[in-house]
C-alpha atoms as a PDB file:
ATOM      1  CA  MET A   1      71.842 -47.398 -43.383  1.00  0.00           C
ATOM      2  CA  HIS A   2      70.343 -47.008 -46.700  1.00  0.00           C
ATOM      3  CA  THR A   3      67.209 -48.553 -45.046  1.00  0.00           C
ATOM      4  CA  PHE A   4      67.301 -45.854 -42.115  1.00  0.00           C
ATOM      5  CA  LYS A   5      67.739 -43.072 -44.677  1.00  0.00           C
ATOM      6  CA  ARG A   6      64.565 -44.134 -46.411  1.00  0.00           C
ATOM      7  CA  ALA A   7      62.274 -44.651 -43.685  1.00  0.00           C
ATOM      8  CA  MET A   8      63.327 -41.231 -42.723  1.00  0.00           C
ATOM      9  CA  VAL A   9      62.259 -39.529 -45.854  1.00  0.00           C
ATOM     10  CA  MET A  10      59.390 -41.669 -45.942  1.00  0.00           C
ATOM     11  CA  ALA A  11      58.239 -40.513 -42.702  1.00  0.00           C
ATOM     12  CA  GLY A  12      58.945 -36.783 -43.694  1.00  0.00           C
ATOM     13  CA  LEU A  13      56.617 -37.383 -47.272  1.00  0.00           C
ATOM     14  CA  VAL A  14      53.707 -38.889 -44.660  1.00  0.00           C
ATOM     15  CA  SER A  15      53.677 -35.733 -42.433  1.00  0.00           C
ATOM     16  CA  LEU A  16      53.932 -33.383 -45.350  1.00  0.00           C
ATOM     17  CA  ALA A  17      51.249 -34.965 -46.929  1.00  0.00           C
ATOM     18  CA  ALA A  18      48.950 -34.509 -43.556  1.00  0.00           C
ATOM     19  CA  LEU A  19      49.258 -30.654 -43.684  1.00  0.00           C
ATOM     20  CA  PRO A  20      46.100 -28.867 -45.397  1.00  0.00           C
ATOM     21  CA  VAL A  21      46.159 -28.007 -48.727  1.00  0.00           C
ATOM     22  CA  GLY A  22      48.297 -24.623 -49.209  1.00  0.00           C
ATOM     23  CA  ALA A  23      50.245 -25.136 -45.884  1.00  0.00           C
ATOM     24  CA  GLN A  24      52.776 -27.041 -48.085  1.00  0.00           C
ATOM     25  CA  SER A  25      53.593 -23.723 -50.058  1.00  0.00           C
ATOM     26  CA  GLY A  26      53.591 -21.467 -47.336  1.00  0.00           C
ATOM     27  CA  THR A  27      50.228 -20.162 -48.111  1.00  0.00           C
ATOM     28  CA  PRO A  28      47.783 -19.913 -45.379  1.00  0.00           C
ATOM     29  CA  PRO A  29      44.818 -22.239 -45.701  1.00  0.00           C
ATOM     30  CA  SER A  30      41.344 -21.417 -47.091  1.00  0.00           C
ATOM     31  CA  PRO A  31      39.025 -20.168 -44.486  1.00  0.00           C
ATOM     32  CA  ARG A  32      36.554 -23.107 -45.402  1.00  0.00           C
ATOM     33  CA  SER A  33      35.197 -23.618 -41.597  1.00  0.00           C
ATOM     34  CA  LYS A  34      33.799 -20.117 -41.564  1.00  0.00           C
ATOM     35  CA  GLN A  35      30.219 -20.400 -43.082  1.00  0.00           C
ATOM     36  CA  PRO A  36      28.073 -17.227 -44.003  1.00  0.00           C
ATOM     37  CA  GLU A  37      25.436 -16.056 -41.741  1.00  0.00           C
ATOM     38  CA  PRO A  38      21.967 -17.910 -42.280  1.00  0.00           C
ATOM     39  CA  PRO A  39      19.546 -15.732 -43.471  1.00  0.00           C
ATOM     40  CA  MET A  40      17.195 -13.639 -41.496  1.00  0.00           C
ATOM     41  CA  GLY A  41      13.588 -15.671 -40.470  1.00  0.00           C
ATOM     42  CA  ALA A  42      10.717 -14.672 -41.252  1.00  0.00           C
ATOM     43  CA  ALA A  43       9.659 -14.380 -37.684  1.00  0.00           C
ATOM     44  CA  GLN A  44      12.634 -12.409 -37.046  1.00  0.00           C
ATOM     45  CA  VAL A  45      11.893  -9.933 -39.930  1.00  0.00           C
ATOM     46  CA  ALA A  46       8.610  -9.124 -38.367  1.00  0.00           C
ATOM     47  CA  ARG A  47       9.684  -8.518 -35.401  1.00  0.00           C
ATOM     48  CA  ASP A  48      12.323  -6.084 -36.193  1.00  0.00           C
ATOM     49  CA  SER A  49      10.024  -4.319 -38.464  1.00  0.00           C
ATOM     50  CA  GLY A  50       7.480  -3.811 -35.252  1.00  0.00           C
ATOM     51  CA  LYS A  51       4.243  -5.251 -37.021  1.00  0.00           C
ATOM     52  CA  LEU A  52       1.698  -4.685 -34.975  1.00  0.00           C
ATOM     53  CA  ALA A  53      -0.666  -7.029 -33.083  1.00  0.00           C
ATOM     54  CA  SER A  54      -3.961  -7.280 -35.249  1.00  0.00           C
ATOM     55  CA  SER A  55      -6.318  -5.775 -32.304  1.00  0.00           C
ATOM     56  CA  ASP A  56      -3.745  -2.755 -31.986  1.00  0.00           C
ATOM     57  CA  SER A  57      -3.643  -2.375 -36.043  1.00  0.00           C
ATOM     58  CA  LYS A  58      -7.633  -2.761 -35.997  1.00  0.00           C
ATOM     59  CA  PHE A  59      -7.866   0.027 -33.070  1.00  0.00           C
ATOM     60  CA  MET A  60      -5.523   2.608 -34.986  1.00  0.00           C
ATOM     61  CA  HIS A  61      -7.460   2.340 -37.930  1.00  0.00           C
ATOM     62  CA  GLU A  62     -10.725   3.310 -36.044  1.00  0.00           C
ATOM     63  CA  ALA A  63      -9.308   5.674 -34.368  1.00  0.00           C
ATOM     64  CA  ALA A  64      -7.752   7.288 -37.699  1.00  0.00           C
ATOM     65  CA  ILE A  65     -11.216   7.388 -38.945  1.00  0.00           C
ATOM     66  CA  GLY A  66     -12.564   8.731 -35.754  1.00  0.00           C
ATOM     67  CA  GLY A  67     -10.248  11.297 -35.960  1.00  0.00           C
ATOM     68  CA  MET A  68     -11.095  12.520 -39.183  1.00  0.00           C
ATOM     69  CA  ALA A  69     -14.559  12.491 -38.647  1.00  0.00           C
ATOM     70  CA  GLU A  70     -14.190  14.836 -35.662  1.00  0.00           C
ATOM     71  CA  VAL A  71     -12.424  17.429 -37.356  1.00  0.00           C
ATOM     72  CA  ALA A  72     -14.541  17.076 -40.737  1.00  0.00           C
ATOM     73  CA  LEU A  73     -17.838  17.452 -38.309  1.00  0.00           C
ATOM     74  CA  GLY A  74     -16.074  20.252 -36.282  1.00  0.00           C
ATOM     75  CA  ARG A  75     -15.487  22.215 -39.251  1.00  0.00           C
ATOM     76  CA  LEU A  76     -19.498  22.022 -40.016  1.00  0.00           C
ATOM     77  CA  ALA A  77     -20.050  22.995 -36.562  1.00  0.00           C
ATOM     78  CA  ALA A  78     -17.680  26.094 -36.833  1.00  0.00           C
ATOM     79  CA  ASP A  79     -19.566  26.985 -40.270  1.00  0.00           C
ATOM     80  CA  LYS A  80     -23.394  25.948 -39.178  1.00  0.00           C
ATOM     81  CA  ALA A  81     -23.937  26.270 -35.446  1.00  0.00           C
ATOM     82  CA  SER A  82     -25.837  29.166 -34.160  1.00  0.00           C
ATOM     83  CA  SER A  83     -24.725  28.426 -30.922  1.00  0.00           C
ATOM     84  CA  ALA A  84     -21.563  30.366 -29.707  1.00  0.00           C
ATOM     85  CA  ASP A  85     -20.677  27.383 -27.354  1.00  0.00           C
ATOM     86  CA  VAL A  86     -21.347  24.962 -30.158  1.00  0.00           C
ATOM     87  CA  LYS A  87     -19.072  26.912 -32.466  1.00  0.00           C
ATOM     88  CA  GLU A  88     -16.385  26.996 -29.858  1.00  0.00           C
ATOM     89  CA  PHE A  89     -16.534  22.976 -28.869  1.00  0.00           C
ATOM     90  CA  GLY A  90     -16.264  22.433 -33.042  1.00  0.00           C
ATOM     91  CA  GLN A  91     -13.478  24.702 -32.890  1.00  0.00           C
ATOM     92  CA  ARG A  92     -11.554  22.747 -30.149  1.00  0.00           C
ATOM     93  CA  MET A  93     -12.690  19.753 -31.891  1.00  0.00           C
ATOM     94  CA  ILE A  94     -10.902  20.539 -35.279  1.00  0.00           C
ATOM     95  CA  ASP A  95      -7.568  21.869 -33.065  1.00  0.00           C
ATOM     96  CA  ASP A  96      -7.291  18.622 -30.764  1.00  0.00           C
ATOM     97  CA  HIS A  97      -8.013  16.346 -32.788  1.00  0.00           C
ATOM     98  CA  SER A  98      -6.022  17.474 -36.152  1.00  0.00           C
ATOM     99  CA  LYS A  99      -3.056  17.255 -33.602  1.00  0.00           C
ATOM    100  CA  ALA A 100      -4.098  13.638 -32.562  1.00  0.00           C
ATOM    101  CA  ASN A 101      -4.487  12.545 -36.189  1.00  0.00           C
ATOM    102  CA  ASP A 102      -0.981  13.808 -37.158  1.00  0.00           C
ATOM    103  CA  GLU A 103       0.656  11.898 -34.058  1.00  0.00           C
ATOM    104  CA  LEU A 104      -1.411   8.795 -34.928  1.00  0.00           C
ATOM    105  CA  LYS A 105       0.046   9.103 -38.770  1.00  0.00           C
ATOM    106  CA  ALA A 106       3.439   9.461 -37.444  1.00  0.00           C
ATOM    107  CA  LEU A 107       3.312   6.477 -35.063  1.00  0.00           C
ATOM    108  CA  ALA A 108       1.685   4.450 -38.179  1.00  0.00           C
ATOM    109  CA  ALA A 109       4.308   5.242 -40.683  1.00  0.00           C
ATOM    110  CA  GLN A 110       6.692   4.321 -37.805  1.00  0.00           C
ATOM    111  CA  LYS A 111       5.065   1.126 -37.511  1.00  0.00           C
ATOM    112  CA  GLY A 112       4.711   0.106 -41.026  1.00  0.00           C
ATOM    113  CA  GLU A 113       0.814   0.745 -40.738  1.00  0.00           C
ATOM    114  CA  VAL A 114      -0.988   2.683 -43.754  1.00  0.00           C
ATOM    115  CA  LEU A 115      -3.971   4.309 -42.176  1.00  0.00           C
ATOM    116  CA  PRO A 116      -7.312   5.242 -44.187  1.00  0.00           C
ATOM    117  CA  THR A 117      -7.268   8.788 -45.689  1.00  0.00           C
ATOM    118  CA  GLU A 118     -11.089   8.826 -45.926  1.00  0.00           C
ATOM    119  CA  LEU A 119     -13.974   8.524 -44.037  1.00  0.00           C
ATOM    120  CA  ASP A 120     -16.007   5.381 -43.869  1.00  0.00           C
ATOM    121  CA  ALA A 121     -19.790   5.105 -45.213  1.00  0.00           C
ATOM    122  CA  SER A 122     -21.609   5.426 -41.711  1.00  0.00           C
ATOM    123  CA  HIS A 123     -19.361   8.624 -40.812  1.00  0.00           C
ATOM    124  CA  LYS A 124     -20.153  10.136 -44.805  1.00  0.00           C
ATOM    125  CA  ALA A 125     -23.673   9.111 -43.848  1.00  0.00           C
ATOM    126  CA  LEU A 126     -23.603  10.990 -40.461  1.00  0.00           C
ATOM    127  CA  GLN A 127     -21.563  14.307 -42.218  1.00  0.00           C
ATOM    128  CA  ASP A 128     -24.102  14.405 -45.061  1.00  0.00           C
ATOM    129  CA  ARG A 129     -27.292  14.370 -43.021  1.00  0.00           C
ATOM    130  CA  LEU A 130     -25.647  16.987 -40.605  1.00  0.00           C
ATOM    131  CA  SER A 131     -24.643  19.440 -43.578  1.00  0.00           C
ATOM    132  CA  LYS A 132     -28.189  19.358 -44.358  1.00  0.00           C
ATOM    133  CA  LEU A 133     -29.292  20.871 -40.868  1.00  0.00           C
ATOM    134  CA  SER A 134     -28.969  24.621 -39.832  1.00  0.00           C
ATOM    135  CA  GLY A 135     -29.457  26.587 -36.707  1.00  0.00           C
ATOM    136  CA  ASP A 136     -31.028  25.015 -33.627  1.00  0.00           C
ATOM    137  CA  ALA A 137     -31.534  21.797 -34.916  1.00  0.00           C
ATOM    138  CA  PHE A 138     -27.588  21.518 -36.180  1.00  0.00           C
ATOM    139  CA  ASP A 139     -26.785  22.589 -32.787  1.00  0.00           C
ATOM    140  CA  LYS A 140     -28.912  19.656 -31.055  1.00  0.00           C
ATOM    141  CA  ALA A 141     -28.079  17.015 -33.536  1.00  0.00           C
ATOM    142  CA  TYR A 142     -24.295  17.905 -33.834  1.00  0.00           C
ATOM    143  CA  MET A 143     -24.220  17.874 -29.709  1.00  0.00           C
ATOM    144  CA  LYS A 144     -26.110  14.831 -29.257  1.00  0.00           C
ATOM    145  CA  GLU A 145     -23.899  12.812 -31.539  1.00  0.00           C
ATOM    146  CA  MET A 146     -20.615  14.444 -29.924  1.00  0.00           C
ATOM    147  CA  VAL A 147     -21.773  13.303 -26.410  1.00  0.00           C
ATOM    148  CA  ARG A 148     -22.526   9.319 -28.151  1.00  0.00           C
ATOM    149  CA  ASP A 149     -19.199   9.730 -29.965  1.00  0.00           C
ATOM    150  CA  HIS A 150     -17.267  10.464 -27.039  1.00  0.00           C
ATOM    151  CA  THR A 151     -18.821   8.221 -24.604  1.00  0.00           C
ATOM    152  CA  GLU A 152     -17.612   5.554 -27.126  1.00  0.00           C
ATOM    153  CA  ASP A 153     -14.145   7.102 -27.743  1.00  0.00           C
ATOM    154  CA  VAL A 154     -13.546   7.254 -23.914  1.00  0.00           C
ATOM    155  CA  ALA A 155     -14.550   3.869 -22.849  1.00  0.00           C
ATOM    156  CA  GLU A 156     -12.261   2.305 -26.312  1.00  0.00           C
ATOM    157  CA  PHE A 157      -9.031   4.493 -25.178  1.00  0.00           C
ATOM    158  CA  ARG A 158      -9.671   3.634 -21.637  1.00  0.00           C
ATOM    159  CA  LYS A 159      -9.792  -0.280 -22.601  1.00  0.00           C
ATOM    160  CA  MET A 160      -6.680   0.353 -24.960  1.00  0.00           C
ATOM    161  CA  SER A 161      -4.537   2.249 -22.617  1.00  0.00           C
ATOM    162  CA  THR A 162      -4.153  -1.348 -20.746  1.00  0.00           C
ATOM    163  CA  SER A 163      -4.623  -3.918 -23.294  1.00  0.00           C
ATOM    164  CA  ALA A 164      -2.452  -2.542 -26.467  1.00  0.00           C
ATOM    165  CA  SER A 165       0.153  -4.644 -27.171  1.00  0.00           C
ATOM    166  CA  ASP A 166       2.529  -2.112 -28.325  1.00  0.00           C
ATOM    167  CA  GLY A 167       4.466   0.192 -25.927  1.00  0.00           C
ATOM    168  CA  ASP A 168       4.519   3.185 -28.047  1.00  0.00           C
ATOM    169  CA  LEU A 169       0.603   2.612 -28.820  1.00  0.00           C
ATOM    170  CA  LYS A 170      -0.059   2.451 -25.483  1.00  0.00           C
ATOM    171  CA  ALA A 171       1.539   5.500 -24.650  1.00  0.00           C
ATOM    172  CA  TRP A 172      -0.241   7.693 -27.291  1.00  0.00           C
ATOM    173  CA  VAL A 173      -3.369   6.371 -25.879  1.00  0.00           C
ATOM    174  CA  GLY A 174      -2.592   7.325 -22.663  1.00  0.00           C
ATOM    175  CA  LYS A 175      -1.269  10.540 -23.782  1.00  0.00           C
ATOM    176  CA  THR A 176      -4.862  11.311 -25.468  1.00  0.00           C
ATOM    177  CA  LEU A 177      -7.105   9.747 -23.299  1.00  0.00           C
ATOM    178  CA  PRO A 178      -7.300  12.759 -20.752  1.00  0.00           C
ATOM    179  CA  THR A 179      -8.604  15.272 -23.931  1.00  0.00           C
ATOM    180  CA  LEU A 180     -11.074  12.889 -24.730  1.00  0.00           C
ATOM    181  CA  GLU A 181     -12.346  12.628 -21.348  1.00  0.00           C
ATOM    182  CA  GLU A 182     -12.323  16.397 -21.161  1.00  0.00           C
ATOM    183  CA  HIS A 183     -14.272  16.553 -24.781  1.00  0.00           C
ATOM    184  CA  LEU A 184     -17.073  14.183 -23.452  1.00  0.00           C
ATOM    185  CA  LYS A 185     -17.617  16.662 -20.239  1.00  0.00           C
ATOM    186  CA  MET A 186     -17.545  19.940 -22.552  1.00  0.00           C
ATOM    187  CA  ALA A 187     -20.091  18.015 -25.269  1.00  0.00           C
ATOM    188  CA  LYS A 188     -22.663  16.990 -22.159  1.00  0.00           C
ATOM    189  CA  SER A 189     -22.422  20.526 -20.410  1.00  0.00           C
ATOM    190  CA  THR A 190     -22.655  22.055 -24.233  1.00  0.00           C
ATOM    191  CA  ALA A 191     -25.526  19.534 -25.434  1.00  0.00           C
ATOM    192  CA  THR A 192     -27.400  20.383 -21.842  1.00  0.00           C
ATOM    193  CA  LYS A 193     -27.004  24.219 -23.106  1.00  0.00           C
ATOM    194  CA  VAL A 194     -28.765  23.915 -26.097  1.00  0.00           C
ATOM    195  CA  GLY A 195     -31.219  21.270 -25.014  1.00  0.00           C
ATOM    196  CA  SER A 196     -30.294  18.588 -26.785  1.00  0.00           C
ATOM    197  CA  SER A 197     -31.572  14.939 -25.433  1.00  0.00           C
ATOM    198  CA  GLU A 198     -28.766  12.418 -24.960  1.00  0.00           C
END
């Protein structure tokens, strides 16, 4: 009889010892099995930050400089041109490119891109050269540059309208391209009127 009781007590102690720590006293077990979330990997951070492909980033920087140049040279034309058509074209450059520049700045901020705020050396040199001209000489030189510049811009924007990796950038390019195409037509027409050789 004593042997049976002793066996029962021993069995009870063994089963009690098998319980998790804390269960013996009636408190819930500590959540040891729940591990903290692993830190976010660098690749995931880059994806979440909307970081642009290098080709998209390069295009945005070049478009920003080109847009600033169009506004700066448009101001020169509005001030120095002798032809009413050239003055009108210059004002159109100021209006349209200021709007496009603001849209590009907003897009760049959204993508974490820092765009240039000043013209590069080649555009500064062009601005300086045109600023020294006046009257008919200015009109011809300015319109020649506008035809050349918009020919290049339209080609680049057409290319990026299909090859841009970022969907938002592609949408902006597609929205801006028709305006540039219109500028190119206007530039060619105005250049012909002032006798500028293309």
